[in-house]
Amino acid sequence: MSEPSRLDLLRFAYRVVEQQARASLTQIAGWIAAEEQREREVAAREARRPTPPEWVAELSIGRDRRAILVHSGDCHMIGKRTRGISRDQALRALAEGVEACDHCRPDTALGWMG
């Protein structure tokens, strides 16, 4: 049997690369599908997440758990012991002497002049 020609070898190489490319494209298509599914799941979780409160009362430690600070709902300094409150409750808390957070300044945002 004679040795394959250069043209036969090139055609063989072409078929090998074509098969590898198809396999790679199939693998990449799978990765894309998995990422699209992950993004749909993240979007669904975000849609189910309750909207954060506009105002937050940070509570003291202990049985009475009274408000000790008022924050805007998006403040980065909000502690772990909190309760969402309405605008009226935030204004009432400030009027009763509860301190406003020095970072988010809810008193300014609420127009509190106390």
N, C-alpha and C. Protein backbone atom coordinates (compact mmCIF):
# COMPACT_ATOMS: atom_id res chain seq x y z
N MET A 1 0.84 -1.18 0.00
CA MET A 1 0.00 0.00 0.00
C MET A 1 0.89 1.24 0.00
N SER A 2 0.48 2.24 -0.76
CA SER A 2 1.29 3.44 -0.88
C SER A 2 0.99 4.40 0.27
N GLU A 3 1.93 5.27 0.51
CA GLU A 3 1.75 6.27 1.57
C GLU A 3 0.74 7.31 1.11
N PRO A 4 -0.03 7.89 2.08
CA PRO A 4 -1.00 8.91 1.70
C PRO A 4 -0.30 10.15 1.16
N SER A 5 -0.97 10.79 0.23
CA SER A 5 -0.40 12.01 -0.35
C SER A 5 -0.53 13.16 0.65
N ARG A 6 0.17 14.22 0.37
CA ARG A 6 0.06 15.42 1.22
C ARG A 6 -1.37 15.93 1.22
N LEU A 7 -2.04 15.85 0.08
CA LEU A 7 -3.43 16.30 -0.01
C LEU A 7 -4.32 15.42 0.87
N ASP A 8 -4.11 14.12 0.88
CA ASP A 8 -4.88 13.21 1.75
C ASP A 8 -4.64 13.56 3.22
N LEU A 9 -3.40 13.83 3.59
CA LEU A 9 -3.07 14.20 4.97
C LEU A 9 -3.74 15.52 5.37
N LEU A 10 -3.74 16.47 4.46
CA LEU A 10 -4.37 17.76 4.75
C LEU A 10 -5.89 17.60 4.91
N ARG A 11 -6.50 16.77 4.05
CA ARG A 11 -7.95 16.53 4.18
C ARG A 11 -8.25 15.82 5.51
N PHE A 12 -7.40 14.88 5.90
CA PHE A 12 -7.56 14.20 7.18
C PHE A 12 -7.44 15.21 8.33
N ALA A 13 -6.44 16.06 8.28
CA ALA A 13 -6.24 17.08 9.32
C ALA A 13 -7.45 18.01 9.38
N TYR A 14 -7.98 18.35 8.22
CA TYR A 14 -9.15 19.22 8.17
C TYR A 14 -10.33 18.56 8.90
N ARG A 15 -10.58 17.27 8.63
CA ARG A 15 -11.69 16.55 9.26
C ARG A 15 -11.50 16.47 10.77
N VAL A 16 -10.26 16.22 11.23
CA VAL A 16 -9.98 16.14 12.66
C VAL A 16 -10.28 17.48 13.32
N VAL A 17 -9.79 18.56 12.76
CA VAL A 17 -10.01 19.89 13.33
C VAL A 17 -11.49 20.24 13.29
N GLU A 18 -12.17 19.88 12.20
CA GLU A 18 -13.60 20.14 12.09
C GLU A 18 -14.37 19.42 13.20
N GLN A 19 -14.03 18.17 13.48
CA GLN A 19 -14.69 17.42 14.56
C GLN A 19 -14.40 18.04 15.92
N GLN A 20 -13.16 18.45 16.13
CA GLN A 20 -12.80 19.09 17.40
C GLN A 20 -13.54 20.41 17.58
N ALA A 21 -13.65 21.15 16.47
CA ALA A 21 -14.34 22.43 16.53
C ALA A 21 -15.81 22.22 16.86
N ARG A 22 -16.43 21.22 16.24
CA ARG A 22 -17.84 20.93 16.55
C ARG A 22 -18.00 20.57 18.02
N ALA A 23 -17.09 19.75 18.52
CA ALA A 23 -17.16 19.36 19.94
C ALA A 23 -16.97 20.58 20.84
N SER A 24 -16.03 21.44 20.48
CA SER A 24 -15.80 22.66 21.27
C SER A 24 -17.01 23.57 21.23
N LEU A 25 -17.60 23.74 20.04
CA LEU A 25 -18.78 24.59 19.92
C LEU A 25 -19.95 24.02 20.70
N THR A 26 -20.10 22.71 20.70
CA THR A 26 -21.15 22.07 21.48
C THR A 26 -20.93 22.32 22.97
N GLN A 27 -19.69 22.20 23.40
CA GLN A 27 -19.37 22.45 24.80
C GLN A 27 -19.64 23.90 25.17
N ILE A 28 -19.22 24.82 24.32
CA ILE A 28 -19.45 26.25 24.59
C ILE A 28 -20.95 26.56 24.58
N ALA A 29 -21.69 25.97 23.68
CA ALA A 29 -23.15 26.17 23.64
C ALA A 29 -23.77 25.69 24.96
N GLY A 30 -23.26 24.60 25.51
CA GLY A 30 -23.74 24.12 26.81
C GLY A 30 -23.43 25.11 27.92
N TRP A 31 -22.24 25.67 27.87
CA TRP A 31 -21.87 26.67 28.88
C TRP A 31 -22.78 27.89 28.79
N ILE A 32 -23.07 28.31 27.55
CA ILE A 32 -23.94 29.47 27.34
C ILE A 32 -25.33 29.17 27.89
N ALA A 33 -25.86 28.00 27.59
CA ALA A 33 -27.19 27.63 28.08
C ALA A 33 -27.22 27.60 29.61
N ALA A 34 -26.17 27.06 30.23
CA ALA A 34 -26.11 27.01 31.69
C ALA A 34 -26.05 28.42 32.28
N GLU A 35 -25.29 29.31 31.67
CA GLU A 35 -25.19 30.69 32.16
C GLU A 35 -26.50 31.43 31.98
N GLU A 36 -27.17 31.21 30.85
CA GLU A 36 -28.48 31.83 30.65
C GLU A 36 -29.48 31.36 31.71
N GLN A 37 -29.43 30.08 32.04
CA GLN A 37 -30.31 29.53 33.07
C GLN A 37 -29.98 30.16 34.43
N ARG A 38 -28.68 30.29 34.73
CA ARG A 38 -28.27 30.90 35.99
C ARG A 38 -28.77 32.34 36.08
N GLU A 39 -28.66 33.08 34.97
CA GLU A 39 -29.12 34.47 34.97
C GLU A 39 -30.64 34.56 35.16
N ARG A 40 -31.38 33.62 34.56
CA ARG A 40 -32.83 33.60 34.76
C ARG A 40 -33.17 33.33 36.22
N GLU A 41 -32.44 32.42 36.84
CA GLU A 41 -32.68 32.10 38.25
C GLU A 41 -32.37 33.30 39.15
N VAL A 42 -31.27 33.99 38.85
CA VAL A 42 -30.91 35.19 39.64
C VAL A 42 -31.99 36.25 39.47
N ALA A 43 -32.45 36.47 38.24
CA ALA A 43 -33.49 37.47 37.99
C ALA A 43 -34.79 37.10 38.71
N ALA A 44 -35.12 35.81 38.72
CA ALA A 44 -36.34 35.37 39.42
C ALA A 44 -36.21 35.60 40.92
N ARG A 45 -35.02 35.32 41.49
CA ARG A 45 -34.80 35.57 42.93
C ARG A 45 -34.92 37.06 43.23
N GLU A 46 -34.34 37.88 42.38
CA GLU A 46 -34.41 39.33 42.58
C GLU A 46 -35.85 39.82 42.52
N ALA A 47 -36.63 39.26 41.59
CA ALA A 47 -38.03 39.68 41.45
C ALA A 47 -38.84 39.30 42.68
N ARG A 48 -38.48 38.19 43.33
CA ARG A 48 -39.21 37.74 44.53
C ARG A 48 -38.76 38.46 45.80
N ARG A 49 -37.60 39.10 45.74
CA ARG A 49 -37.07 39.77 46.94
C ARG A 49 -37.98 40.94 47.32
N PRO A 50 -38.35 41.01 48.58
CA PRO A 50 -39.21 42.12 48.99
C PRO A 50 -38.45 43.45 48.88
N THR A 51 -39.20 44.49 48.59
CA THR A 51 -38.56 45.80 48.50
C THR A 51 -38.10 46.23 49.88
N PRO A 52 -36.90 46.79 49.96
CA PRO A 52 -36.42 47.22 51.28
C PRO A 52 -37.25 48.40 51.78
N PRO A 53 -37.34 48.54 53.08
CA PRO A 53 -38.10 49.67 53.62
C PRO A 53 -37.40 50.98 53.31
N GLU A 54 -38.18 52.03 53.22
CA GLU A 54 -37.60 53.34 52.94
C GLU A 54 -36.84 53.89 54.16
N TRP A 55 -37.33 53.52 55.34
CA TRP A 55 -36.71 53.97 56.60
C TRP A 55 -36.55 52.78 57.52
N VAL A 56 -35.52 52.81 58.35
CA VAL A 56 -35.21 51.69 59.24
C VAL A 56 -34.90 52.22 60.63
N ALA A 57 -35.46 51.54 61.63
CA ALA A 57 -35.11 51.82 63.02
C ALA A 57 -34.14 50.74 63.47
N GLU A 58 -32.98 51.16 63.97
CA GLU A 58 -32.04 50.21 64.55
C GLU A 58 -32.41 50.08 66.02
N LEU A 59 -32.48 48.84 66.50
CA LEU A 59 -33.00 48.58 67.83
C LEU A 59 -31.90 48.26 68.83
N SER A 60 -32.19 48.56 70.08
CA SER A 60 -31.25 48.28 71.17
C SER A 60 -31.24 46.79 71.47
N ILE A 61 -30.24 46.40 72.26
CA ILE A 61 -30.17 45.03 72.76
C ILE A 61 -31.06 44.94 73.98
N GLY A 62 -31.65 43.80 74.20
CA GLY A 62 -32.43 43.61 75.41
C GLY A 62 -33.89 43.37 75.13
N ARG A 63 -34.62 43.24 76.21
CA ARG A 63 -36.02 42.87 76.10
C ARG A 63 -36.87 43.97 75.47
N ASP A 64 -36.60 45.23 75.82
CA ASP A 64 -37.46 46.31 75.31
C ASP A 64 -37.19 46.64 73.84
N ARG A 65 -35.98 46.38 73.38
CA ARG A 65 -35.59 46.60 71.98
C ARG A 65 -36.17 47.90 71.43
N ARG A 66 -35.82 48.99 72.08
CA ARG A 66 -36.31 50.30 71.63
C ARG A 66 -35.43 50.82 70.50
N ALA A 67 -35.98 51.75 69.73
CA ALA A 67 -35.23 52.35 68.62
C ALA A 67 -34.10 53.21 69.18
N ILE A 68 -32.91 53.04 68.63
CA ILE A 68 -31.77 53.85 69.07
C ILE A 68 -31.21 54.69 67.93
N LEU A 69 -31.50 54.32 66.68
CA LEU A 69 -31.04 55.08 65.52
C LEU A 69 -32.08 54.97 64.41
N VAL A 70 -32.20 56.03 63.63
CA VAL A 70 -33.04 56.00 62.43
C VAL A 70 -32.10 56.08 61.24
N HIS A 71 -32.33 55.21 60.26
CA HIS A 71 -31.53 55.17 59.03
C HIS A 71 -32.45 55.30 57.82
N SER A 72 -31.88 55.74 56.70
CA SER A 72 -32.60 55.58 55.44
C SER A 72 -32.46 54.10 55.06
N GLY A 73 -33.38 53.59 54.28
CA GLY A 73 -33.42 52.16 53.98
C GLY A 73 -32.21 51.61 53.26
N ASP A 74 -31.47 52.47 52.57
CA ASP A 74 -30.30 51.99 51.81
C ASP A 74 -28.97 52.31 52.48
N CYS A 75 -29.00 52.67 53.75
CA CYS A 75 -27.78 53.03 54.47
C CYS A 75 -26.86 51.82 54.62
N HIS A 76 -25.58 52.04 54.40
CA HIS A 76 -24.59 50.95 54.53
C HIS A 76 -24.21 50.68 55.98
N MET A 77 -24.67 51.51 56.89
CA MET A 77 -24.30 51.35 58.30
C MET A 77 -25.41 50.69 59.13
N ILE A 78 -26.46 50.22 58.49
CA ILE A 78 -27.55 49.58 59.23
C ILE A 78 -27.01 48.34 59.93
N GLY A 79 -27.33 48.21 61.21
CA GLY A 79 -26.89 47.06 62.00
C GLY A 79 -27.78 45.84 61.76
N LYS A 80 -27.64 44.86 62.63
CA LYS A 80 -28.38 43.60 62.48
C LYS A 80 -29.76 43.64 63.12
N ARG A 81 -29.92 44.42 64.18
CA ARG A 81 -31.21 44.47 64.89
C ARG A 81 -32.00 45.66 64.35
N THR A 82 -32.85 45.41 63.38
CA THR A 82 -33.57 46.50 62.73
C THR A 82 -35.04 46.16 62.53
N ARG A 83 -35.78 47.20 62.21
CA ARG A 83 -37.19 47.05 61.85
C ARG A 83 -37.49 48.14 60.82
N GLY A 84 -38.13 47.75 59.74
CA GLY A 84 -38.56 48.74 58.75
C GLY A 84 -39.67 49.60 59.33
N ILE A 85 -39.61 50.89 59.05
CA ILE A 85 -40.63 51.81 59.58
C ILE A 85 -41.09 52.74 58.46
N SER A 86 -42.25 53.32 58.68
CA SER A 86 -42.81 54.27 57.71
C SER A 86 -42.18 55.65 57.89
N ARG A 87 -42.46 56.52 56.98
CA ARG A 87 -41.97 57.91 57.07
C ARG A 87 -42.49 58.55 58.35
N ASP A 88 -43.78 58.37 58.64
CA ASP A 88 -44.36 58.95 59.86
C ASP A 88 -43.69 58.40 61.11
N GLN A 89 -43.43 57.11 61.14
CA GLN A 89 -42.77 56.51 62.29
C GLN A 89 -41.35 57.05 62.44
N ALA A 90 -40.66 57.26 61.33
CA ALA A 90 -39.31 57.81 61.38
C ALA A 90 -39.33 59.23 61.94
N LEU A 91 -40.27 60.04 61.46
CA LEU A 91 -40.39 61.42 61.97
C LEU A 91 -40.75 61.41 63.46
N ARG A 92 -41.64 60.52 63.86
CA ARG A 92 -42.03 60.43 65.26
C ARG A 92 -40.84 60.02 66.12
N ALA A 93 -40.07 59.06 65.64
CA ALA A 93 -38.89 58.62 66.40
C ALA A 93 -37.91 59.76 66.58
N LEU A 94 -37.66 60.51 65.52
CA LEU A 94 -36.75 61.66 65.63
C LEU A 94 -37.30 62.69 66.61
N ALA A 95 -38.61 62.92 66.57
CA ALA A 95 -39.25 63.88 67.49
C ALA A 95 -39.14 63.41 68.94
N GLU A 96 -39.10 62.09 69.13
CA GLU A 96 -39.00 61.54 70.48
C GLU A 96 -37.55 61.42 70.95
N GLY A 97 -36.60 61.91 70.15
CA GLY A 97 -35.22 61.93 70.59
C GLY A 97 -34.33 60.80 70.08
N VAL A 98 -34.86 59.93 69.24
CA VAL A 98 -34.02 58.88 68.66
C VAL A 98 -33.05 59.56 67.71
N GLU A 99 -31.79 59.17 67.77
CA GLU A 99 -30.77 59.80 66.95
C GLU A 99 -30.88 59.41 65.48
N ALA A 100 -30.46 60.32 64.63
CA ALA A 100 -30.38 60.05 63.19
C ALA A 100 -28.97 59.56 62.88
N CYS A 101 -28.86 58.62 61.98
CA CYS A 101 -27.56 58.09 61.57
C CYS A 101 -26.71 59.21 60.99
N ASP A 102 -25.43 59.26 61.41
CA ASP A 102 -24.52 60.30 60.92
C ASP A 102 -24.08 60.05 59.48
N HIS A 103 -24.29 58.85 58.97
CA HIS A 103 -23.83 58.53 57.62
C HIS A 103 -24.89 58.83 56.56
N CYS A 104 -26.11 58.37 56.79
CA CYS A 104 -27.15 58.53 55.75
C CYS A 104 -28.02 59.77 55.97
N ARG A 105 -27.94 60.36 57.14
CA ARG A 105 -28.66 61.59 57.49
C ARG A 105 -30.15 61.54 57.13
N PRO A 106 -30.90 60.62 57.74
CA PRO A 106 -32.33 60.54 57.44
C PRO A 106 -33.10 61.79 57.88
N ASP A 107 -32.57 62.47 58.89
CA ASP A 107 -33.24 63.69 59.34
C ASP A 107 -33.27 64.73 58.23
N THR A 108 -32.17 64.86 57.49
CA THR A 108 -32.10 65.79 56.38
C THR A 108 -33.04 65.34 55.26
N ALA A 109 -32.99 64.04 54.93
CA ALA A 109 -33.85 63.50 53.85
C ALA A 109 -35.33 63.66 54.20
N LEU A 110 -35.66 63.58 55.49
CA LEU A 110 -37.05 63.71 55.92
C LEU A 110 -37.48 65.17 56.09
N GLY A 111 -36.52 66.07 56.01
CA GLY A 111 -36.83 67.48 56.22
C GLY A 111 -37.05 67.80 57.69
N TRP A 112 -36.48 66.99 58.56
CA TRP A 112 -36.63 67.18 60.01
C TRP A 112 -35.77 68.35 60.46
N MET A 113 -36.39 69.28 61.15
CA MET A 113 -35.68 70.47 61.61
C MET A 113 -35.52 70.49 63.11
N GLY A 114 -35.69 69.34 63.77
CA GLY A 114 -35.67 69.24 65.22
C GLY A 114 -34.41 69.68 65.79
